[in-house]
Amino acid sequence: MPKVIISIDGVVTKEVPLTKDRTTLGRRPYNDIVIDNLAVSGEHAVFQMSGAEIIIEDLNSTNGTYINGKTVTKQPLKHNDTIEIGKHKIRLVKEAEGHGDMEKTMVIKKPLTGAGVDIPAAIRVVSGTAAGREVGLTKVVTTIGKPGVAVAAITRRPHGYVVALVEGTNKATLNNQPLDHAPQTLNHGDMLELAGTKMQFIQQAS
């Protein structure tokens, strides 16, 4: 079943399966997908499903709908396309494209116990409004933080994970030590702080 994964500032806020022929998205509470943000119009966009094809259509929204950085009015969606509405990013996941169980682990809703090797590592937010959220490190490079303030990149390497500062100066720490542009090895339980938000690195035991 296809689904969309909604995030803001790199933190996943919700995951919604696309089960109907028409799935509406907007700020008003009667939409199928509600994003309560002033950058989102009351009736912003709609997902339309026809067989295996999924099309997104902008509903004459104020701020527009973007796909992979380009404004669109109506366009078919491919697996992993990223829709941008304001600061929110909405990624389409089509599980029927042969990815099977791997796609089901793209967003972690529960602790990693019993998760097996499909979810080798994750970042858990431990402070702020998103506290308790866990985001699986499923890509080779995952960026976290706030653009313009402090951004770090976590890179998966054959021997494990490393983190390095991409943007910002004195507002990033690893285990209370300043984080700079030189990659540093991450170990299970390490604490990251970026732009005032604390996060913990969690790695599944092999």
C-alpha atoms as a PDB file:
ATOM      1  CA  MET A   1       0.000   0.000   0.000  1.00  0.00           C
ATOM      2  CA  PRO A   2       1.434   3.415  -0.928  1.00  0.00           C
ATOM      3  CA  LYS A   3       1.863   5.968   1.831  1.00  0.00           C
ATOM      4  CA  VAL A   4       3.219   9.426   2.458  1.00  0.00           C
ATOM      5  CA  ILE A   5       5.739  10.312   5.158  1.00  0.00           C
ATOM      6  CA  ILE A   6       5.459  13.889   6.405  1.00  0.00           C
ATOM      7  CA  SER A   7       8.360  15.681   8.080  1.00  0.00           C
ATOM      8  CA  ILE A   8       9.442  19.159   9.099  1.00  0.00           C
ATOM      9  CA  ASP A   9      13.036  20.199   9.812  1.00  0.00           C
ATOM     10  CA  GLY A  10      14.100  16.598   9.276  1.00  0.00           C
ATOM     11  CA  VAL A  11      11.752  15.191  11.952  1.00  0.00           C
ATOM     12  CA  VAL A  12       8.953  12.860  10.861  1.00  0.00           C
ATOM     13  CA  THR A  13       5.576  14.026  12.198  1.00  0.00           C
ATOM     14  CA  LYS A  14       3.180  11.537  10.647  1.00  0.00           C
ATOM     15  CA  GLU A  15       2.797   8.676   8.209  1.00  0.00           C
ATOM     16  CA  VAL A  16      -0.435   8.311   6.227  1.00  0.00           C
ATOM     17  CA  PRO A  17      -1.405   5.380   3.954  1.00  0.00           C
ATOM     18  CA  LEU A  18      -3.116   6.308   0.684  1.00  0.00           C
ATOM     19  CA  THR A  19      -6.184   4.069   0.740  1.00  0.00           C
ATOM     20  CA  LYS A  20      -8.762   6.122  -1.202  1.00  0.00           C
ATOM     21  CA  ASP A  21      -9.111   7.252  -4.815  1.00  0.00           C
ATOM     22  CA  ARG A  22      -8.899  10.858  -3.576  1.00  0.00           C
ATOM     23  CA  THR A  23      -6.922  11.894  -0.493  1.00  0.00           C
ATOM     24  CA  THR A  24      -7.114  15.601   0.302  1.00  0.00           C
ATOM     25  CA  LEU A  25      -4.402  17.591   2.054  1.00  0.00           C
ATOM     26  CA  GLY A  26      -4.769  20.983   3.709  1.00  0.00           C
ATOM     27  CA  ARG A  27      -4.979  23.044   6.886  1.00  0.00           C
ATOM     28  CA  ARG A  28      -8.731  22.600   7.461  1.00  0.00           C
ATOM     29  CA  PRO A  29      -9.695  19.744   9.829  1.00  0.00           C
ATOM     30  CA  TYR A  30     -11.976  18.033   7.288  1.00  0.00           C
ATOM     31  CA  ASN A  31      -9.053  17.078   5.027  1.00  0.00           C
ATOM     32  CA  ASP A  32      -7.816  13.484   4.970  1.00  0.00           C
ATOM     33  CA  ILE A  33      -4.292  14.760   5.738  1.00  0.00           C
ATOM     34  CA  VAL A  34      -4.308  17.804   8.013  1.00  0.00           C
ATOM     35  CA  ILE A  35      -1.214  20.008   8.288  1.00  0.00           C
ATOM     36  CA  ASP A  36      -1.941  22.805  10.743  1.00  0.00           C
ATOM     37  CA  ASN A  37       0.452  25.429   9.418  1.00  0.00           C
ATOM     38  CA  LEU A  38      -0.206  28.878   7.987  1.00  0.00           C
ATOM     39  CA  ALA A  39       1.912  28.091   4.924  1.00  0.00           C
ATOM     40  CA  VAL A  40      -0.630  25.398   4.028  1.00  0.00           C
ATOM     41  CA  SER A  41      -3.895  26.462   2.394  1.00  0.00           C
ATOM     42  CA  GLY A  42      -7.240  25.291   3.777  1.00  0.00           C
ATOM     43  CA  GLU A  43      -7.594  22.975   0.771  1.00  0.00           C
ATOM     44  CA  HIS A  44      -4.052  22.748  -0.560  1.00  0.00           C
ATOM     45  CA  ALA A  45      -3.692  19.637  -2.728  1.00  0.00           C
ATOM     46  CA  VAL A  46      -5.179  16.236  -3.499  1.00  0.00           C
ATOM     47  CA  PHE A  47      -3.664  12.809  -4.165  1.00  0.00           C
ATOM     48  CA  GLN A  48      -5.546  10.879  -6.852  1.00  0.00           C
ATOM     49  CA  MET A  49      -5.033   7.147  -7.341  1.00  0.00           C
ATOM     50  CA  SER A  50      -5.848   5.322 -10.554  1.00  0.00           C
ATOM     51  CA  GLY A  51      -4.595   1.758 -10.463  1.00  0.00           C
ATOM     52  CA  ALA A  52      -0.867   1.918  -9.709  1.00  0.00           C
ATOM     53  CA  GLU A  53      -0.611   5.572 -10.702  1.00  0.00           C
ATOM     54  CA  ILE A  54      -0.679   8.323  -8.097  1.00  0.00           C
ATOM     55  CA  ILE A  55      -1.160  11.939  -9.188  1.00  0.00           C
ATOM     56  CA  ILE A  56      -0.894  15.042  -7.010  1.00  0.00           C
ATOM     57  CA  GLU A  57      -2.877  18.128  -7.977  1.00  0.00           C
ATOM     58  CA  ASP A  58      -2.479  21.574  -6.441  1.00  0.00           C
ATOM     59  CA  LEU A  59      -5.873  23.089  -5.550  1.00  0.00           C
ATOM     60  CA  ASN A  60      -4.975  26.702  -6.391  1.00  0.00           C
ATOM     61  CA  SER A  61      -3.098  27.004  -3.097  1.00  0.00           C
ATOM     62  CA  THR A  62      -1.629  30.312  -1.949  1.00  0.00           C
ATOM     63  CA  ASN A  63       1.983  29.151  -1.581  1.00  0.00           C
ATOM     64  CA  GLY A  64       2.034  26.439  -4.224  1.00  0.00           C
ATOM     65  CA  THR A  65       3.037  22.791  -4.291  1.00  0.00           C
ATOM     66  CA  TYR A  66       6.593  21.724  -5.153  1.00  0.00           C
ATOM     67  CA  ILE A  67       7.935  18.347  -6.224  1.00  0.00           C
ATOM     68  CA  ASN A  68      11.663  17.784  -5.940  1.00  0.00           C
ATOM     69  CA  GLY A  69      12.111  21.564  -5.825  1.00  0.00           C
ATOM     70  CA  LYS A  70       9.908  22.444  -8.841  1.00  0.00           C
ATOM     71  CA  THR A  71       6.443  24.003  -8.647  1.00  0.00           C
ATOM     72  CA  VAL A  72       3.651  21.860 -10.117  1.00  0.00           C
ATOM     73  CA  THR A  73      -0.091  22.071 -10.698  1.00  0.00           C
ATOM     74  CA  LYS A  74      -0.705  18.408 -11.519  1.00  0.00           C
ATOM     75  CA  GLN A  75       1.863  15.651 -11.871  1.00  0.00           C
ATOM     76  CA  PRO A  76       2.207  11.855 -11.544  1.00  0.00           C
ATOM     77  CA  LEU A  77       4.360  10.782  -8.608  1.00  0.00           C
ATOM     78  CA  LYS A  78       7.180   8.265  -8.516  1.00  0.00           C
ATOM     79  CA  HIS A  79       8.496   6.293  -5.567  1.00  0.00           C
ATOM     80  CA  ASN A  80      10.524   8.558  -3.232  1.00  0.00           C
ATOM     81  CA  ASP A  81       9.322  11.809  -4.849  1.00  0.00           C
ATOM     82  CA  THR A  82       9.424  14.614  -2.283  1.00  0.00           C
ATOM     83  CA  ILE A  83       6.580  17.139  -2.167  1.00  0.00           C
ATOM     84  CA  GLU A  84       7.304  20.434  -0.444  1.00  0.00           C
ATOM     85  CA  ILE A  85       4.551  22.574   1.063  1.00  0.00           C
ATOM     86  CA  GLY A  86       5.913  25.426   3.147  1.00  0.00           C
ATOM     87  CA  LYS A  87       8.523  23.901   5.460  1.00  0.00           C
ATOM     88  CA  HIS A  88       6.865  20.492   5.360  1.00  0.00           C
ATOM     89  CA  LYS A  89       8.243  17.702   3.201  1.00  0.00           C
ATOM     90  CA  ILE A  90       6.000  14.847   2.106  1.00  0.00           C
ATOM     91  CA  ARG A  91       7.734  11.771   0.683  1.00  0.00           C
ATOM     92  CA  LEU A  92       5.845   9.161  -1.320  1.00  0.00           C
ATOM     93  CA  VAL A  93       6.652   5.535  -0.583  1.00  0.00           C
ATOM     94  CA  LYS A  94       5.278   2.915  -2.962  1.00  0.00           C
ATOM     95  CA  GLU A  95       5.772  -0.381  -1.158  1.00  0.00           C
ATOM     96  CA  ALA A  96       4.577  -2.357  -4.171  1.00  0.00           C
ATOM     97  CA  GLU A  97       7.739  -1.573  -6.129  1.00  0.00           C
ATOM     98  CA  GLY A  98       9.623  -4.637  -4.958  1.00  0.00           C
ATOM     99  CA  HIS A  99      11.100  -3.157  -1.783  1.00  0.00           C
ATOM    100  CA  GLY A 100       8.953  -5.296   0.500  1.00  0.00           C
ATOM    101  CA  ASP A 101       9.771  -5.226   4.184  1.00  0.00           C
ATOM    102  CA  MET A 102      12.574  -2.719   3.762  1.00  0.00           C
ATOM    103  CA  GLU A 103      10.143   0.093   2.978  1.00  0.00           C
ATOM    104  CA  LYS A 104       8.046  -0.780   6.006  1.00  0.00           C
ATOM    105  CA  THR A 105      10.957   0.242   8.228  1.00  0.00           C
ATOM    106  CA  MET A 106      11.504   3.691   6.721  1.00  0.00           C
ATOM    107  CA  VAL A 107       9.866   5.357   9.743  1.00  0.00           C
ATOM    108  CA  ILE A 108      10.326   3.931  13.215  1.00  0.00           C
ATOM    109  CA  LYS A 109       7.307   4.205  15.491  1.00  0.00           C
ATOM    110  CA  LYS A 110       8.554   1.887  18.228  1.00  0.00           C
ATOM    111  CA  PRO A 111      11.908   1.282  19.939  1.00  0.00           C
ATOM    112  CA  LEU A 112      14.356  -0.865  18.033  1.00  0.00           C
ATOM    113  CA  THR A 113      13.932  -3.966  20.201  1.00  0.00           C
ATOM    114  CA  GLY A 114      13.163  -6.905  17.981  1.00  0.00           C
ATOM    115  CA  ALA A 115      13.580  -4.862  14.825  1.00  0.00           C
ATOM    116  CA  GLY A 116      16.358  -7.056  13.457  1.00  0.00           C
ATOM    117  CA  VAL A 117      18.886  -5.896  10.928  1.00  0.00           C
ATOM    118  CA  ASP A 118      16.371  -4.025   8.755  1.00  0.00           C
ATOM    119  CA  ILE A 119      16.789  -0.939  10.942  1.00  0.00           C
ATOM    120  CA  PRO A 120      20.486  -0.731  11.786  1.00  0.00           C
ATOM    121  CA  ALA A 121      20.345   2.701  13.410  1.00  0.00           C
ATOM    122  CA  ALA A 122      18.101   5.635  14.224  1.00  0.00           C
ATOM    123  CA  ILE A 123      18.020   9.082  15.760  1.00  0.00           C
ATOM    124  CA  ARG A 124      15.660   9.662  18.700  1.00  0.00           C
ATOM    125  CA  VAL A 125      14.645  13.221  19.523  1.00  0.00           C
ATOM    126  CA  VAL A 126      14.796  13.717  23.300  1.00  0.00           C
ATOM    127  CA  SER A 127      13.915  17.402  23.698  1.00  0.00           C
ATOM    128  CA  GLY A 128      11.546  19.952  22.210  1.00  0.00           C
ATOM    129  CA  THR A 129       8.100  19.505  20.672  1.00  0.00           C
ATOM    130  CA  ALA A 130       9.171  16.420  18.709  1.00  0.00           C
ATOM    131  CA  ALA A 131      10.541  14.568  21.756  1.00  0.00           C
ATOM    132  CA  GLY A 132      10.087  10.821  21.466  1.00  0.00           C
ATOM    133  CA  ARG A 133      10.202  10.705  17.665  1.00  0.00           C
ATOM    134  CA  GLU A 134      12.562   8.203  16.090  1.00  0.00           C
ATOM    135  CA  VAL A 135      13.845   8.508  12.527  1.00  0.00           C
ATOM    136  CA  GLY A 136      15.534   5.522  10.894  1.00  0.00           C
ATOM    137  CA  LEU A 137      18.891   6.174   9.227  1.00  0.00           C
ATOM    138  CA  THR A 138      17.917   4.358   6.034  1.00  0.00           C
ATOM    139  CA  LYS A 139      19.901   6.495   3.590  1.00  0.00           C
ATOM    140  CA  VAL A 140      23.649   6.656   3.054  1.00  0.00           C
ATOM    141  CA  VAL A 141      23.582  10.289   4.189  1.00  0.00           C
ATOM    142  CA  THR A 142      20.924  11.767   6.492  1.00  0.00           C
ATOM    143  CA  THR A 143      20.922  15.465   7.343  1.00  0.00           C
ATOM    144  CA  ILE A 144      19.503  16.716  10.638  1.00  0.00           C
ATOM    145  CA  GLY A 145      19.145  20.116  12.283  1.00  0.00           C
ATOM    146  CA  LYS A 146      17.830  23.509  11.247  1.00  0.00           C
ATOM    147  CA  PRO A 147      19.023  25.155   8.015  1.00  0.00           C
ATOM    148  CA  GLY A 148      20.612  28.530   8.691  1.00  0.00           C
ATOM    149  CA  VAL A 149      21.368  27.611  12.316  1.00  0.00           C
ATOM    150  CA  ALA A 150      23.064  24.231  12.556  1.00  0.00           C
ATOM    151  CA  VAL A 151      22.951  21.233  10.220  1.00  0.00           C
ATOM    152  CA  ALA A 152      24.846  17.954  10.600  1.00  0.00           C
ATOM    153  CA  ALA A 153      25.169  14.982   8.267  1.00  0.00           C
ATOM    154  CA  ILE A 154      25.160  11.370   9.467  1.00  0.00           C
ATOM    155  CA  THR A 155      26.875   9.083   6.973  1.00  0.00           C
ATOM    156  CA  ARG A 156      26.613   5.295   6.892  1.00  0.00           C
ATOM    157  CA  ARG A 157      29.962   3.659   6.247  1.00  0.00           C
ATOM    158  CA  PRO A 158      30.971  -0.020   6.074  1.00  0.00           C
ATOM    159  CA  HIS A 159      32.282   0.062   9.641  1.00  0.00           C
ATOM    160  CA  GLY A 160      29.420   2.095  11.118  1.00  0.00           C
ATOM    161  CA  TYR A 161      28.142   5.673  11.238  1.00  0.00           C
ATOM    162  CA  VAL A 162      29.934   9.015  11.406  1.00  0.00           C
ATOM    163  CA  VAL A 163      28.615  12.533  11.976  1.00  0.00           C
ATOM    164  CA  ALA A 164      30.025  15.868  10.843  1.00  0.00           C
ATOM    165  CA  LEU A 165      28.860  19.469  10.972  1.00  0.00           C
ATOM    166  CA  VAL A 166      27.681  20.800   7.604  1.00  0.00           C
ATOM    167  CA  GLU A 167      26.420  24.252   8.546  1.00  0.00           C
ATOM    168  CA  GLY A 168      26.706  26.382  11.702  1.00  0.00           C
ATOM    169  CA  THR A 169      29.480  27.090  14.169  1.00  0.00           C
ATOM    170  CA  ASN A 170      29.134  26.890  17.942  1.00  0.00           C
ATOM    171  CA  LYS A 171      25.635  25.440  18.283  1.00  0.00           C
ATOM    172  CA  ALA A 172      26.405  21.770  17.700  1.00  0.00           C
ATOM    173  CA  THR A 173      27.834  19.248  20.165  1.00  0.00           C
ATOM    174  CA  LEU A 174      28.478  15.519  20.373  1.00  0.00           C
ATOM    175  CA  ASN A 175      28.449  14.225  23.952  1.00  0.00           C
ATOM    176  CA  ASN A 176      28.793  17.865  25.126  1.00  0.00           C
ATOM    177  CA  GLN A 177      31.922  18.361  23.015  1.00  0.00           C
ATOM    178  CA  PRO A 178      31.932  20.784  20.047  1.00  0.00           C
ATOM    179  CA  LEU A 179      31.041  19.152  16.744  1.00  0.00           C
ATOM    180  CA  ASP A 180      33.016  20.375  13.730  1.00  0.00           C
ATOM    181  CA  HIS A 181      33.373  19.516  10.057  1.00  0.00           C
ATOM    182  CA  ALA A 182      35.642  16.522  10.709  1.00  0.00           C
ATOM    183  CA  PRO A 183      33.679  13.225  10.724  1.00  0.00           C
ATOM    184  CA  GLN A 184      33.378  11.644  14.167  1.00  0.00           C
ATOM    185  CA  THR A 185      32.376   8.043  14.839  1.00  0.00           C
ATOM    186  CA  LEU A 186      28.944   7.506  16.403  1.00  0.00           C
ATOM    187  CA  ASN A 187      28.374   4.891  19.088  1.00  0.00           C
ATOM    188  CA  HIS A 188      25.083   3.626  20.523  1.00  0.00           C
ATOM    189  CA  GLY A 189      23.769   6.110  23.086  1.00  0.00           C
ATOM    190  CA  ASP A 190      25.781   9.113  21.866  1.00  0.00           C
ATOM    191  CA  MET A 191      24.015  12.448  22.437  1.00  0.00           C
ATOM    192  CA  LEU A 192      23.852  15.098  19.719  1.00  0.00           C
ATOM    193  CA  GLU A 193      22.658  18.655  20.225  1.00  0.00           C
ATOM    194  CA  LEU A 194      21.845  20.865  17.240  1.00  0.00           C
ATOM    195  CA  ALA A 195      20.294  24.333  17.472  1.00  0.00           C
ATOM    196  CA  GLY A 196      19.018  23.591  20.970  1.00  0.00           C
ATOM    197  CA  THR A 197      17.468  20.193  20.123  1.00  0.00           C
ATOM    198  CA  LYS A 198      18.904  17.097  21.789  1.00  0.00           C
ATOM    199  CA  MET A 199      18.979  13.782  19.928  1.00  0.00           C
ATOM    200  CA  GLN A 200      20.291  10.322  20.774  1.00  0.00           C
ATOM    201  CA  PHE A 201      21.974   7.945  18.343  1.00  0.00           C
ATOM    202  CA  ILE A 202      20.614   4.406  18.626  1.00  0.00           C
ATOM    203  CA  GLN A 203      22.271   1.448  16.915  1.00  0.00           C
ATOM    204  CA  GLN A 204      20.808  -2.032  16.738  1.00  0.00           C
ATOM    205  CA  ALA A 205      23.199  -4.678  18.019  1.00  0.00           C
ATOM    206  CA  SER A 206      24.368  -6.920  15.219  1.00  0.00           C
END
